[in-house]
């Protein structure tokens, strides 16, 4: 079984690329039975803002990812670097240190796919 670590760096100015990352992750599970984790890194954490204009469709997609057992996370270092705090991120999403998480995933056999 393929192990994919999908990393989205697309911010609020590039929602189409963020959607592509999430759709790729979802379809890798549904159509290829892959083991998938998804991390939002850098400006990608903006995809997870509760108060954004497109928060409802984003939350729906995040919930779809969770339903197929995709581990969804964001980089806490990126969040801090953007001057944001965890209170404005959708509930239930794990925060990780992006570089550390990527290294752990690679060490356990994941291939990294970036969007």
PDB file of N, CA and C in Angstrom:
ATOM      1  N   UNK A   1       0.843  -1.172   0.000  1.00  0.00           N
ATOM      2  CA  UNK A   1       0.000   0.000   0.000  1.00  0.00           C
ATOM      3  C   UNK A   1       0.891   1.240   0.000  1.00  0.00           C
ATOM      4  N   UNK A   2       0.543   2.193  -0.840  1.00  0.00           N
ATOM      5  CA  UNK A   2       1.281   3.452  -0.912  1.00  0.00           C
ATOM      6  C   UNK A   2       1.055   4.263   0.358  1.00  0.00           C
ATOM      7  N   UNK A   3       2.092   4.964   0.783  1.00  0.00           N
ATOM      8  CA  UNK A   3       2.014   5.865   1.928  1.00  0.00           C
ATOM      9  C   UNK A   3       2.380   7.251   1.415  1.00  0.00           C
ATOM     10  N   UNK A   4       1.417   8.175   1.468  1.00  0.00           N
ATOM     11  CA  UNK A   4       1.614   9.511   0.910  1.00  0.00           C
ATOM     12  C   UNK A   4       1.453  10.577   1.985  1.00  0.00           C
ATOM     13  N   UNK A   5       2.404  11.483   2.036  1.00  0.00           N
ATOM     14  CA  UNK A   5       2.339  12.631   2.928  1.00  0.00           C
ATOM     15  C   UNK A   5       2.157  13.857   2.040  1.00  0.00           C
ATOM     16  N   UNK A   6       0.923  14.351   1.988  1.00  0.00           N
ATOM     17  CA  UNK A   6       0.571  15.472   1.121  1.00  0.00           C
ATOM     18  C   UNK A   6       0.762  16.761   1.915  1.00  0.00           C
ATOM     19  N   UNK A   7       1.503  17.696   1.312  1.00  0.00           N
ATOM     20  CA  UNK A   7       1.785  18.971   1.961  1.00  0.00           C
ATOM     21  C   UNK A   7       1.212  20.093   1.098  1.00  0.00           C
ATOM     22  N   UNK A   8       0.337  20.897   1.698  1.00  0.00           N
ATOM     23  CA  UNK A   8      -0.267  22.023   0.992  1.00  0.00           C
ATOM     24  C   UNK A   8       0.316  23.331   1.517  1.00  0.00           C
ATOM     25  N   UNK A   9       0.914  24.103   0.613  1.00  0.00           N
ATOM     26  CA  UNK A   9       1.458  25.417   0.975  1.00  0.00           C
ATOM     27  C   UNK A   9       0.629  26.547   0.365  1.00  0.00           C
ATOM     28  N   UNK A  10      -0.499  26.197  -0.222  1.00  0.00           N
ATOM     29  CA  UNK A  10      -1.350  27.189  -0.890  1.00  0.00           C
ATOM     30  C   UNK A  10      -2.157  27.965   0.132  1.00  0.00           C
ATOM     31  N   UNK A  11      -2.013  29.277   0.115  1.00  0.00           N
ATOM     32  CA  UNK A  11      -2.732  30.134   1.044  1.00  0.00           C
ATOM     33  C   UNK A  11      -4.080  30.566   0.509  1.00  0.00           C
ATOM     34  N   UNK A  12      -4.664  31.535   1.191  1.00  0.00           N
ATOM     35  CA  UNK A  12      -6.010  31.988   0.833  1.00  0.00           C
ATOM     36  C   UNK A  12      -6.073  32.621  -0.546  1.00  0.00           C
ATOM     37  N   UNK A  13      -4.933  33.017  -1.089  1.00  0.00           N
ATOM     38  CA  UNK A  13      -4.900  33.592  -2.430  1.00  0.00           C
ATOM     39  C   UNK A  13      -4.849  32.536  -3.528  1.00  0.00           C
ATOM     40  N   UNK A  14      -4.729  31.271  -3.135  1.00  0.00           N
ATOM     41  CA  UNK A  14      -4.656  30.191  -4.121  1.00  0.00           C
ATOM     42  C   UNK A  14      -5.479  28.994  -3.657  1.00  0.00           C
ATOM     43  N   UNK A  15      -6.759  29.239  -3.421  1.00  0.00           N
ATOM     44  CA  UNK A  15      -7.660  28.210  -2.911  1.00  0.00           C
ATOM     45  C   UNK A  15      -7.787  27.036  -3.882  1.00  0.00           C
ATOM     46  N   UNK A  16      -7.669  27.293  -5.179  1.00  0.00           N
ATOM     47  CA  UNK A  16      -7.766  26.191  -6.150  1.00  0.00           C
ATOM     48  C   UNK A  16      -6.668  25.166  -5.926  1.00  0.00           C
ATOM     49  N   UNK A  17      -5.444  25.623  -5.630  1.00  0.00           N
ATOM     50  CA  UNK A  17      -4.349  24.688  -5.382  1.00  0.00           C
ATOM     51  C   UNK A  17      -4.566  23.958  -4.060  1.00  0.00           C
ATOM     52  N   UNK A  18      -5.097  24.647  -3.052  1.00  0.00           N
ATOM     53  CA  UNK A  18      -5.417  23.992  -1.780  1.00  0.00           C
ATOM     54  C   UNK A  18      -6.475  22.915  -1.989  1.00  0.00           C
ATOM     55  N   UNK A  19      -7.494  23.232  -2.781  1.00  0.00           N
ATOM     56  CA  UNK A  19      -8.525  22.233  -3.106  1.00  0.00           C
ATOM     57  C   UNK A  19      -7.925  21.046  -3.848  1.00  0.00           C
ATOM     58  N   UNK A  20      -6.986  21.320  -4.742  1.00  0.00           N
ATOM     59  CA  UNK A  20      -6.355  20.238  -5.489  1.00  0.00           C
ATOM     60  C   UNK A  20      -5.605  19.304  -4.538  1.00  0.00           C
ATOM     61  N   UNK A  21      -4.913  19.858  -3.557  1.00  0.00           N
ATOM     62  CA  UNK A  21      -4.198  19.036  -2.580  1.00  0.00           C
ATOM     63  C   UNK A  21      -5.161  18.151  -1.795  1.00  0.00           C
ATOM     64  N   UNK A  22      -6.262  18.745  -1.338  1.00  0.00           N
ATOM     65  CA  UNK A  22      -7.234  17.982  -0.550  1.00  0.00           C
ATOM     66  C   UNK A  22      -7.929  16.925  -1.400  1.00  0.00           C
ATOM     67  N   UNK A  23      -8.280  17.259  -2.625  1.00  0.00           N
ATOM     68  CA  UNK A  23      -8.911  16.283  -3.521  1.00  0.00           C
ATOM     69  C   UNK A  23      -7.951  15.154  -3.871  1.00  0.00           C
ATOM     70  N   UNK A  24      -6.693  15.493  -4.081  1.00  0.00           N
ATOM     71  CA  UNK A  24      -5.685  14.470  -4.359  1.00  0.00           C
ATOM     72  C   UNK A  24      -5.600  13.494  -3.185  1.00  0.00           C
ATOM     73  N   UNK A  25      -5.506  14.034  -1.965  1.00  0.00           N
ATOM     74  CA  UNK A  25      -5.414  13.192  -0.774  1.00  0.00           C
ATOM     75  C   UNK A  25      -6.641  12.291  -0.639  1.00  0.00           C
ATOM     76  N   UNK A  26      -7.815  12.879  -0.787  1.00  0.00           N
ATOM     77  CA  UNK A  26      -9.061  12.132  -0.663  1.00  0.00           C
ATOM     78  C   UNK A  26      -9.135  11.010  -1.701  1.00  0.00           C
ATOM     79  N   UNK A  27      -8.834  11.338  -2.941  1.00  0.00           N
ATOM     80  CA  UNK A  27      -8.933  10.339  -4.010  1.00  0.00           C
ATOM     81  C   UNK A  27      -7.852   9.272  -3.927  1.00  0.00           C
ATOM     82  N   UNK A  28      -6.711   9.600  -3.345  1.00  0.00           N
ATOM     83  CA  UNK A  28      -5.669   8.588  -3.151  1.00  0.00           C
ATOM     84  C   UNK A  28      -6.141   7.509  -2.192  1.00  0.00           C
ATOM     85  N   UNK A  29      -6.937   7.912  -1.213  1.00  0.00           N
ATOM     86  CA  UNK A  29      -7.509   6.931  -0.279  1.00  0.00           C
ATOM     87  C   UNK A  29      -8.652   6.178  -0.943  1.00  0.00           C
ATOM     88  N   UNK A  30      -9.592   6.916  -1.504  1.00  0.00           N
ATOM     89  CA  UNK A  30     -10.801   6.297  -2.062  1.00  0.00           C
ATOM     90  C   UNK A  30     -10.522   5.414  -3.271  1.00  0.00           C
ATOM     91  N   UNK A  31      -9.612   5.828  -4.139  1.00  0.00           N
ATOM     92  CA  UNK A  31      -9.401   5.114  -5.399  1.00  0.00           C
ATOM     93  C   UNK A  31      -8.169   4.209  -5.419  1.00  0.00           C
ATOM     94  N   UNK A  32      -7.206   4.482  -4.556  1.00  0.00           N
ATOM     95  CA  UNK A  32      -5.978   3.681  -4.559  1.00  0.00           C
ATOM     96  C   UNK A  32      -5.713   3.015  -3.218  1.00  0.00           C
ATOM     97  N   UNK A  33      -6.628   3.208  -2.264  1.00  0.00           N
ATOM     98  CA  UNK A  33      -6.483   2.616  -0.938  1.00  0.00           C
ATOM     99  C   UNK A  33      -5.145   2.952  -0.290  1.00  0.00           C
ATOM    100  N   UNK A  34      -4.653   4.168  -0.543  1.00  0.00           N
ATOM    101  CA  UNK A  34      -3.369   4.602   0.010  1.00  0.00           C
ATOM    102  C   UNK A  34      -3.535   5.031   1.469  1.00  0.00           C
ATOM    103  N   UNK A  35      -2.445   4.985   2.190  1.00  0.00           N
ATOM    104  CA  UNK A  35      -2.361   5.529   3.543  1.00  0.00           C
ATOM    105  C   UNK A  35      -1.907   6.978   3.372  1.00  0.00           C
ATOM    106  N   UNK A  36      -2.759   7.938   3.740  1.00  0.00           N
ATOM    107  CA  UNK A  36      -2.493   9.345   3.442  1.00  0.00           C
ATOM    108  C   UNK A  36      -2.582  10.200   4.694  1.00  0.00           C
ATOM    109  N   UNK A  37      -1.640  11.131   4.806  1.00  0.00           N
ATOM    110  CA  UNK A  37      -1.675  12.187   5.809  1.00  0.00           C
ATOM    111  C   UNK A  37      -1.553  13.504   5.056  1.00  0.00           C
ATOM    112  N   UNK A  38      -2.150  14.554   5.580  1.00  0.00           N
ATOM    113  CA  UNK A  38      -2.155  15.861   4.917  1.00  0.00           C
ATOM    114  C   UNK A  38      -1.745  16.931   5.913  1.00  0.00           C
ATOM    115  N   UNK A  39      -0.740  17.714   5.527  1.00  0.00           N
ATOM    116  CA  UNK A  39      -0.281  18.811   6.386  1.00  0.00           C
ATOM    117  C   UNK A  39      -0.378  20.129   5.633  1.00  0.00           C
ATOM    118  N   UNK A  40      -0.858  21.153   6.338  1.00  0.00           N
ATOM    119  CA  UNK A  40      -0.887  22.511   5.817  1.00  0.00           C
ATOM    120  C   UNK A  40       0.337  23.224   6.379  1.00  0.00           C
ATOM    121  N   UNK A  41       1.154  23.757   5.476  1.00  0.00           N
ATOM    122  CA  UNK A  41       2.450  24.331   5.837  1.00  0.00           C
ATOM    123  C   UNK A  41       2.567  25.729   5.254  1.00  0.00           C
ATOM    124  N   UNK A  42       3.300  26.609   5.930  1.00  0.00           N
ATOM    125  CA  UNK A  42       3.475  27.973   5.436  1.00  0.00           C
ATOM    126  C   UNK A  42       2.131  28.656   5.326  1.00  0.00           C
ATOM    127  N   UNK A  43       1.915  29.351   4.201  1.00  0.00           N
ATOM    128  CA  UNK A  43       0.643  30.040   4.002  1.00  0.00           C
ATOM    129  C   UNK A  43      -0.523  29.065   3.872  1.00  0.00           C
ATOM    130  N   UNK A  44      -0.230  27.795   3.725  1.00  0.00           N
ATOM    131  CA  UNK A  44      -1.280  26.790   3.653  1.00  0.00           C
ATOM    132  C   UNK A  44      -2.178  26.764   4.879  1.00  0.00           C
ATOM    133  N   UNK A  45      -1.664  27.191   6.036  1.00  0.00           N
ATOM    134  CA  UNK A  45      -2.502  27.197   7.242  1.00  0.00           C
ATOM    135  C   UNK A  45      -3.678  28.155   7.096  1.00  0.00           C
ATOM    136  N   UNK A  46      -3.589  29.121   6.177  1.00  0.00           N
ATOM    137  CA  UNK A  46      -4.706  30.047   5.957  1.00  0.00           C
ATOM    138  C   UNK A  46      -5.956  29.320   5.453  1.00  0.00           C
ATOM    139  N   UNK A  47      -5.778  28.159   4.874  1.00  0.00           N
ATOM    140  CA  UNK A  47      -6.902  27.350   4.402  1.00  0.00           C
ATOM    141  C   UNK A  47      -7.803  26.942   5.561  1.00  0.00           C
ATOM    142  N   UNK A  48      -7.266  26.912   6.760  1.00  0.00           N
ATOM    143  CA  UNK A  48      -7.965  26.380   7.924  1.00  0.00           C
ATOM    144  C   UNK A  48      -8.593  27.436   8.823  1.00  0.00           C
ATOM    145  N   UNK A  49      -8.678  28.675   8.351  1.00  0.00           N
ATOM    146  CA  UNK A  49      -9.201  29.756   9.186  1.00  0.00           C
ATOM    147  C   UNK A  49     -10.724  29.691   9.300  1.00  0.00           C
ATOM    148  N   UNK A  50     -11.212  29.668  10.525  1.00  0.00           N
ATOM    149  CA  UNK A  50     -12.652  29.599  10.784  1.00  0.00           C
ATOM    150  C   UNK A  50     -13.414  30.794  10.231  1.00  0.00           C
ATOM    151  N   UNK A  51     -12.768  31.945  10.198  1.00  0.00           N
ATOM    152  CA  UNK A  51     -13.478  33.180   9.858  1.00  0.00           C
ATOM    153  C   UNK A  51     -13.295  33.617   8.401  1.00  0.00           C
ATOM    154  N   UNK A  52     -12.774  32.762   7.552  1.00  0.00           N
ATOM    155  CA  UNK A  52     -12.580  33.156   6.152  1.00  0.00           C
ATOM    156  C   UNK A  52     -13.901  33.057   5.388  1.00  0.00           C
ATOM    157  N   UNK A  53     -13.955  33.717   4.257  1.00  0.00           N
ATOM    158  CA  UNK A  53     -15.167  33.739   3.453  1.00  0.00           C
ATOM    159  C   UNK A  53     -15.575  32.380   2.927  1.00  0.00           C
ATOM    160  N   UNK A  54     -14.617  31.470   2.788  1.00  0.00           N
ATOM    161  CA  UNK A  54     -14.937  30.141   2.255  1.00  0.00           C
ATOM    162  C   UNK A  54     -14.778  29.061   3.326  1.00  0.00           C
ATOM    163  N   UNK A  55     -14.973  29.426   4.586  1.00  0.00           N
ATOM    164  CA  UNK A  55     -14.735  28.475   5.669  1.00  0.00           C
ATOM    165  C   UNK A  55     -15.672  27.270   5.637  1.00  0.00           C
ATOM    166  N   UNK A  56     -16.932  27.458   5.253  1.00  0.00           N
ATOM    167  CA  UNK A  56     -17.889  26.336   5.231  1.00  0.00           C
ATOM    168  C   UNK A  56     -17.469  25.250   4.247  1.00  0.00           C
ATOM    169  N   UNK A  57     -17.150  25.580   2.978  1.00  0.00           N
ATOM    170  CA  UNK A  57     -16.706  24.516   2.068  1.00  0.00           C
ATOM    171  C   UNK A  57     -15.381  23.876   2.504  1.00  0.00           C
ATOM    172  N   UNK A  58     -14.501  24.671   3.095  1.00  0.00           N
ATOM    173  CA  UNK A  58     -13.223  24.113   3.561  1.00  0.00           C
ATOM    174  C   UNK A  58     -13.451  23.139   4.707  1.00  0.00           C
ATOM    175  N   UNK A  59     -14.306  23.521   5.653  1.00  0.00           N
ATOM    176  CA  UNK A  59     -14.588  22.628   6.776  1.00  0.00           C
ATOM    177  C   UNK A  59     -15.266  21.357   6.296  1.00  0.00           C
ATOM    178  N   UNK A  60     -16.167  21.473   5.328  1.00  0.00           N
ATOM    179  CA  UNK A  60     -16.808  20.282   4.764  1.00  0.00           C
ATOM    180  C   UNK A  60     -15.765  19.349   4.160  1.00  0.00           C
ATOM    181  N   UNK A  61     -14.807  19.912   3.438  1.00  0.00           N
ATOM    182  CA  UNK A  61     -13.766  19.083   2.820  1.00  0.00           C
ATOM    183  C   UNK A  61     -12.864  18.449   3.883  1.00  0.00           C
ATOM    184  N   UNK A  62     -12.510  19.216   4.903  1.00  0.00           N
ATOM    185  CA  UNK A  62     -11.699  18.670   6.005  1.00  0.00           C
ATOM    186  C   UNK A  62     -12.440  17.494   6.649  1.00  0.00           C
ATOM    187  N   UNK A  63     -13.731  17.650   6.869  1.00  0.00           N
ATOM    188  CA  UNK A  63     -14.517  16.559   7.454  1.00  0.00           C
ATOM    189  C   UNK A  63     -14.557  15.343   6.533  1.00  0.00           C
ATOM    190  N   UNK A  64     -14.630  15.559   5.223  1.00  0.00           N
ATOM    191  CA  UNK A  64     -14.568  14.438   4.266  1.00  0.00           C
ATOM    192  C   UNK A  64     -13.239  13.706   4.376  1.00  0.00           C
ATOM    193  N   UNK A  65     -12.155  14.462   4.544  1.00  0.00           N
ATOM    194  CA  UNK A  65     -10.838  13.851   4.687  1.00  0.00           C
ATOM    195  C   UNK A  65     -10.776  13.001   5.948  1.00  0.00           C
ATOM    196  N   UNK A  66     -11.290  13.531   7.020  1.00  0.00           N
ATOM    197  CA  UNK A  66     -11.292  12.789   8.290  1.00  0.00           C
ATOM    198  C   UNK A  66     -12.123  11.516   8.196  1.00  0.00           C
ATOM    199  N   UNK A  67     -13.236  11.574   7.463  1.00  0.00           N
ATOM    200  CA  UNK A  67     -14.116  10.408   7.331  1.00  0.00           C
ATOM    201  C   UNK A  67     -13.429   9.232   6.655  1.00  0.00           C
ATOM    202  N   UNK A  68     -12.431   9.509   5.819  1.00  0.00           N
ATOM    203  CA  UNK A  68     -11.691   8.419   5.173  1.00  0.00           C
ATOM    204  C   UNK A  68     -10.346   8.182   5.869  1.00  0.00           C
ATOM    205  N   UNK A  69     -10.252   8.648   7.116  1.00  0.00           N
ATOM    206  CA  UNK A  69      -9.104   8.409   7.998  1.00  0.00           C
ATOM    207  C   UNK A  69      -7.808   9.069   7.549  1.00  0.00           C
ATOM    208  N   UNK A  70      -7.909  10.222   6.922  1.00  0.00           N
ATOM    209  CA  UNK A  70      -6.713  10.996   6.600  1.00  0.00           C
ATOM    210  C   UNK A  70      -6.364  11.832   7.828  1.00  0.00           C
ATOM    211  N   UNK A  71      -5.131  11.719   8.266  1.00  0.00           N
ATOM    212  CA  UNK A  71      -4.629  12.491   9.392  1.00  0.00           C
ATOM    213  C   UNK A  71      -4.370  13.916   8.890  1.00  0.00           C
ATOM    214  N   UNK A  72      -5.157  14.879   9.356  1.00  0.00           N
ATOM    215  CA  UNK A  72      -5.055  16.273   8.917  1.00  0.00           C
ATOM    216  C   UNK A  72      -4.358  17.079  10.008  1.00  0.00           C
ATOM    217  N   UNK A  73      -3.333  17.844   9.597  1.00  0.00           N
ATOM    218  CA  UNK A  73      -2.544  18.607  10.564  1.00  0.00           C
ATOM    219  C   UNK A  73      -2.073  19.918   9.955  1.00  0.00           C
ATOM    220  N   UNK A  74      -1.599  20.809  10.804  1.00  0.00           N
ATOM    221  CA  UNK A  74      -1.008  22.053  10.325  1.00  0.00           C
ATOM    222  C   UNK A  74       0.282  22.308  11.092  1.00  0.00           C
ATOM    223  N   UNK A  75       1.144  23.122  10.497  1.00  0.00           N
ATOM    224  CA  UNK A  75       2.423  23.454  11.112  1.00  0.00           C
ATOM    225  C   UNK A  75       2.241  24.616  12.080  1.00  0.00           C
ATOM    226  N   UNK A  76       2.519  24.357  13.350  1.00  0.00           N
ATOM    227  CA  UNK A  76       2.380  25.396  14.371  1.00  0.00           C
ATOM    228  C   UNK A  76       3.427  26.496  14.196  1.00  0.00           C
ATOM    229  N   UNK A  77       4.574  26.169  13.658  1.00  0.00           N
ATOM    230  CA  UNK A  77       5.614  27.171  13.404  1.00  0.00           C
ATOM    231  C   UNK A  77       5.152  28.127  12.307  1.00  0.00           C
ATOM    232  N   UNK A  78       4.524  27.588  11.267  1.00  0.00           N
ATOM    233  CA  UNK A  78       3.985  28.429  10.193  1.00  0.00           C
ATOM    234  C   UNK A  78       2.889  29.339  10.720  1.00  0.00           C
ATOM    235  N   UNK A  79       2.018  28.791  11.553  1.00  0.00           N
ATOM    236  CA  UNK A  79       0.925  29.576  12.123  1.00  0.00           C
ATOM    237  C   UNK A  79       1.476  30.768  12.900  1.00  0.00           C
ATOM    238  N   UNK A  80       2.447  30.496  13.737  1.00  0.00           N
ATOM    239  CA  UNK A  80       3.065  31.551  14.541  1.00  0.00           C
ATOM    240  C   UNK A  80       3.772  32.566  13.642  1.00  0.00           C
ATOM    241  N   UNK A  81       4.462  32.084  12.615  1.00  0.00           N
ATOM    242  CA  UNK A  81       5.168  32.968  11.695  1.00  0.00           C
ATOM    243  C   UNK A  81       4.243  33.918  10.951  1.00  0.00           C
ATOM    244  N   UNK A  82       2.996  33.515  10.751  1.00  0.00           N
ATOM    245  CA  UNK A  82       2.006  34.364  10.090  1.00  0.00           C
ATOM    246  C   UNK A  82       1.290  35.287  11.079  1.00  0.00           C
ATOM    247  N   UNK A  83       1.671  35.198  12.355  1.00  0.00           N
ATOM    248  CA  UNK A  83       1.056  36.045  13.371  1.00  0.00           C
ATOM    249  C   UNK A  83      -0.337  35.603  13.755  1.00  0.00           C
ATOM    250  N   UNK A  84      -0.643  34.330  13.543  1.00  0.00           N
ATOM    251  CA  UNK A  84      -1.964  33.783  13.841  1.00  0.00           C
ATOM    252  C   UNK A  84      -1.894  32.929  15.096  1.00  0.00           C
ATOM    253  N   UNK A  85      -3.062  32.638  15.674  1.00  0.00           N
ATOM    254  CA  UNK A  85      -3.079  31.753  16.834  1.00  0.00           C
ATOM    255  C   UNK A  85      -4.029  30.590  16.582  1.00  0.00           C
ATOM    256  N   UNK A  86      -3.855  29.518  17.323  1.00  0.00           N
ATOM    257  CA  UNK A  86      -4.648  28.297  17.086  1.00  0.00           C
ATOM    258  C   UNK A  86      -6.149  28.461  17.288  1.00  0.00           C
ATOM    259  N   UNK A  87      -6.581  29.482  18.006  1.00  0.00           N
ATOM    260  CA  UNK A  87      -8.010  29.686  18.255  1.00  0.00           C
ATOM    261  C   UNK A  87      -8.805  29.938  16.986  1.00  0.00           C
ATOM    262  N   UNK A  88      -8.157  30.388  15.918  1.00  0.00           N
ATOM    263  CA  UNK A  88      -8.882  30.709  14.679  1.00  0.00           C
ATOM    264  C   UNK A  88      -8.810  29.594  13.644  1.00  0.00           C
ATOM    265  N   UNK A  89      -8.216  28.461  14.030  1.00  0.00           N
ATOM    266  CA  UNK A  89      -8.117  27.284  13.167  1.00  0.00           C
ATOM    267  C   UNK A  89      -9.288  26.350  13.482  1.00  0.00           C
ATOM    268  N   UNK A  90      -9.803  25.656  12.467  1.00  0.00           N
ATOM    269  CA  UNK A  90     -10.865  24.680  12.691  1.00  0.00           C
ATOM    270  C   UNK A  90     -10.494  23.742  13.841  1.00  0.00           C
ATOM    271  N   UNK A  91     -11.461  23.379  14.627  1.00  0.00           N
ATOM    272  CA  UNK A  91     -11.252  22.492  15.767  1.00  0.00           C
ATOM    273  C   UNK A  91     -10.874  21.083  15.305  1.00  0.00           C
ATOM    274  N   UNK A  92     -10.086  20.411  16.140  1.00  0.00           N
ATOM    275  CA  UNK A  92      -9.784  19.010  15.913  1.00  0.00           C
ATOM    276  C   UNK A  92      -8.669  18.724  14.926  1.00  0.00           C
ATOM    277  N   UNK A  93      -7.958  19.749  14.495  1.00  0.00           N
ATOM    278  CA  UNK A  93      -6.843  19.533  13.570  1.00  0.00           C
ATOM    279  C   UNK A  93      -5.552  19.559  14.375  1.00  0.00           C
ATOM    280  N   UNK A  94      -4.733  18.556  14.207  1.00  0.00           N
ATOM    281  CA  UNK A  94      -3.495  18.436  14.971  1.00  0.00           C
ATOM    282  C   UNK A  94      -2.501  19.515  14.584  1.00  0.00           C
ATOM    283  N   UNK A  95      -1.788  20.041  15.573  1.00  0.00           N
ATOM    284  CA  UNK A  95      -0.697  20.935  15.239  1.00  0.00           C
ATOM    285  C   UNK A  95       0.621  20.197  15.447  1.00  0.00           C
ATOM    286  N   UNK A  96       1.516  20.385  14.511  1.00  0.00           N
ATOM    287  CA  UNK A  96       2.803  19.707  14.507  1.00  0.00           C
ATOM    288  C   UNK A  96       3.879  20.712  14.109  1.00  0.00           C
ATOM    289  N   UNK A  97       5.109  20.335  14.307  1.00  0.00           N
ATOM    290  CA  UNK A  97       6.227  21.108  13.756  1.00  0.00           C
ATOM    291  C   UNK A  97       6.495  20.522  12.376  1.00  0.00           C
ATOM    292  N   UNK A  98       6.297  21.324  11.345  1.00  0.00           N
ATOM    293  CA  UNK A  98       6.307  20.838   9.968  1.00  0.00           C
ATOM    294  C   UNK A  98       7.541  20.045   9.572  1.00  0.00           C
ATOM    295  N   UNK A  99       8.712  20.557   9.877  1.00  0.00           N
ATOM    296  CA  UNK A  99       9.942  19.862   9.499  1.00  0.00           C
ATOM    297  C   UNK A  99      10.110  18.541  10.224  1.00  0.00           C
ATOM    298  N   UNK A 100       9.787  18.548  11.502  1.00  0.00           N
ATOM    299  CA  UNK A 100       9.892  17.327  12.310  1.00  0.00           C
ATOM    300  C   UNK A 100       8.907  16.285  11.807  1.00  0.00           C
ATOM    301  N   UNK A 101       7.665  16.700  11.554  1.00  0.00           N
ATOM    302  CA  UNK A 101       6.639  15.760  11.076  1.00  0.00           C
ATOM    303  C   UNK A 101       7.020  15.183   9.715  1.00  0.00           C
ATOM    304  N   UNK A 102       7.540  16.020   8.841  1.00  0.00           N
ATOM    305  CA  UNK A 102       7.944  15.542   7.515  1.00  0.00           C
ATOM    306  C   UNK A 102       9.055  14.504   7.651  1.00  0.00           C
ATOM    307  N   UNK A 103      10.046  14.791   8.484  1.00  0.00           N
ATOM    308  CA  UNK A 103      11.149  13.841   8.691  1.00  0.00           C
ATOM    309  C   UNK A 103      10.633  12.519   9.252  1.00  0.00           C
ATOM    310  N   UNK A 104       9.698  12.579  10.207  1.00  0.00           N
ATOM    311  CA  UNK A 104       9.132  11.355  10.779  1.00  0.00           C
ATOM    312  C   UNK A 104       8.384  10.554   9.719  1.00  0.00           C
ATOM    313  N   UNK A 105       7.619  11.244   8.891  1.00  0.00           N
ATOM    314  CA  UNK A 105       6.863  10.543   7.851  1.00  0.00           C
ATOM    315  C   UNK A 105       7.787   9.891   6.837  1.00  0.00           C
ATOM    316  N   UNK A 106       8.826  10.595   6.431  1.00  0.00           N
ATOM    317  CA  UNK A 106       9.787  10.026   5.478  1.00  0.00           C
ATOM    318  C   UNK A 106      10.476   8.807   6.103  1.00  0.00           C
ATOM    319  N   UNK A 107      10.854   8.909   7.377  1.00  0.00           N
ATOM    320  CA  UNK A 107      11.498   7.791   8.075  1.00  0.00           C
ATOM    321  C   UNK A 107      10.606   6.558   8.155  1.00  0.00           C
ATOM    322  N   UNK A 108       9.293   6.756   8.112  1.00  0.00           N
ATOM    323  CA  UNK A 108       8.368   5.614   8.202  1.00  0.00           C
ATOM    324  C   UNK A 108       7.814   5.208   6.844  1.00  0.00           C
ATOM    325  N   UNK A 109       8.470   5.676   5.774  1.00  0.00           N
ATOM    326  CA  UNK A 109       8.140   5.179   4.442  1.00  0.00           C
ATOM    327  C   UNK A 109       7.168   5.991   3.612  1.00  0.00           C
ATOM    328  N   UNK A 110       6.804   7.166   4.060  1.00  0.00           N
ATOM    329  CA  UNK A 110       5.902   8.011   3.288  1.00  0.00           C
ATOM    330  C   UNK A 110       6.653   8.720   2.153  1.00  0.00           C
ATOM    331  N   UNK A 111       5.995   8.875   1.025  1.00  0.00           N
ATOM    332  CA  UNK A 111       6.476   9.718  -0.062  1.00  0.00           C
ATOM    333  C   UNK A 111       5.810  11.078   0.115  1.00  0.00           C
ATOM    334  N   UNK A 112       6.588  12.154  -0.071  1.00  0.00           N
ATOM    335  CA  UNK A 112       6.067  13.501   0.101  1.00  0.00           C
ATOM    336  C   UNK A 112       5.593  14.045  -1.244  1.00  0.00           C
ATOM    337  N   UNK A 113       4.369  14.543  -1.246  1.00  0.00           N
ATOM    338  CA  UNK A 113       3.769  15.177  -2.426  1.00  0.00           C
ATOM    339  C   UNK A 113       3.396  16.594  -2.016  1.00  0.00           C
ATOM    340  N   UNK A 114       3.873  17.592  -2.756  1.00  0.00           N
ATOM    341  CA  UNK A 114       3.599  18.976  -2.367  1.00  0.00           C
ATOM    342  C   UNK A 114       2.699  19.676  -3.376  1.00  0.00           C
ATOM    343  N   UNK A 115       1.876  20.547  -2.837  1.00  0.00           N
ATOM    344  CA  UNK A 115       0.986  21.387  -3.652  1.00  0.00           C
ATOM    345  C   UNK A 115       1.166  22.828  -3.191  1.00  0.00           C
TER     346      UNK A 115
END
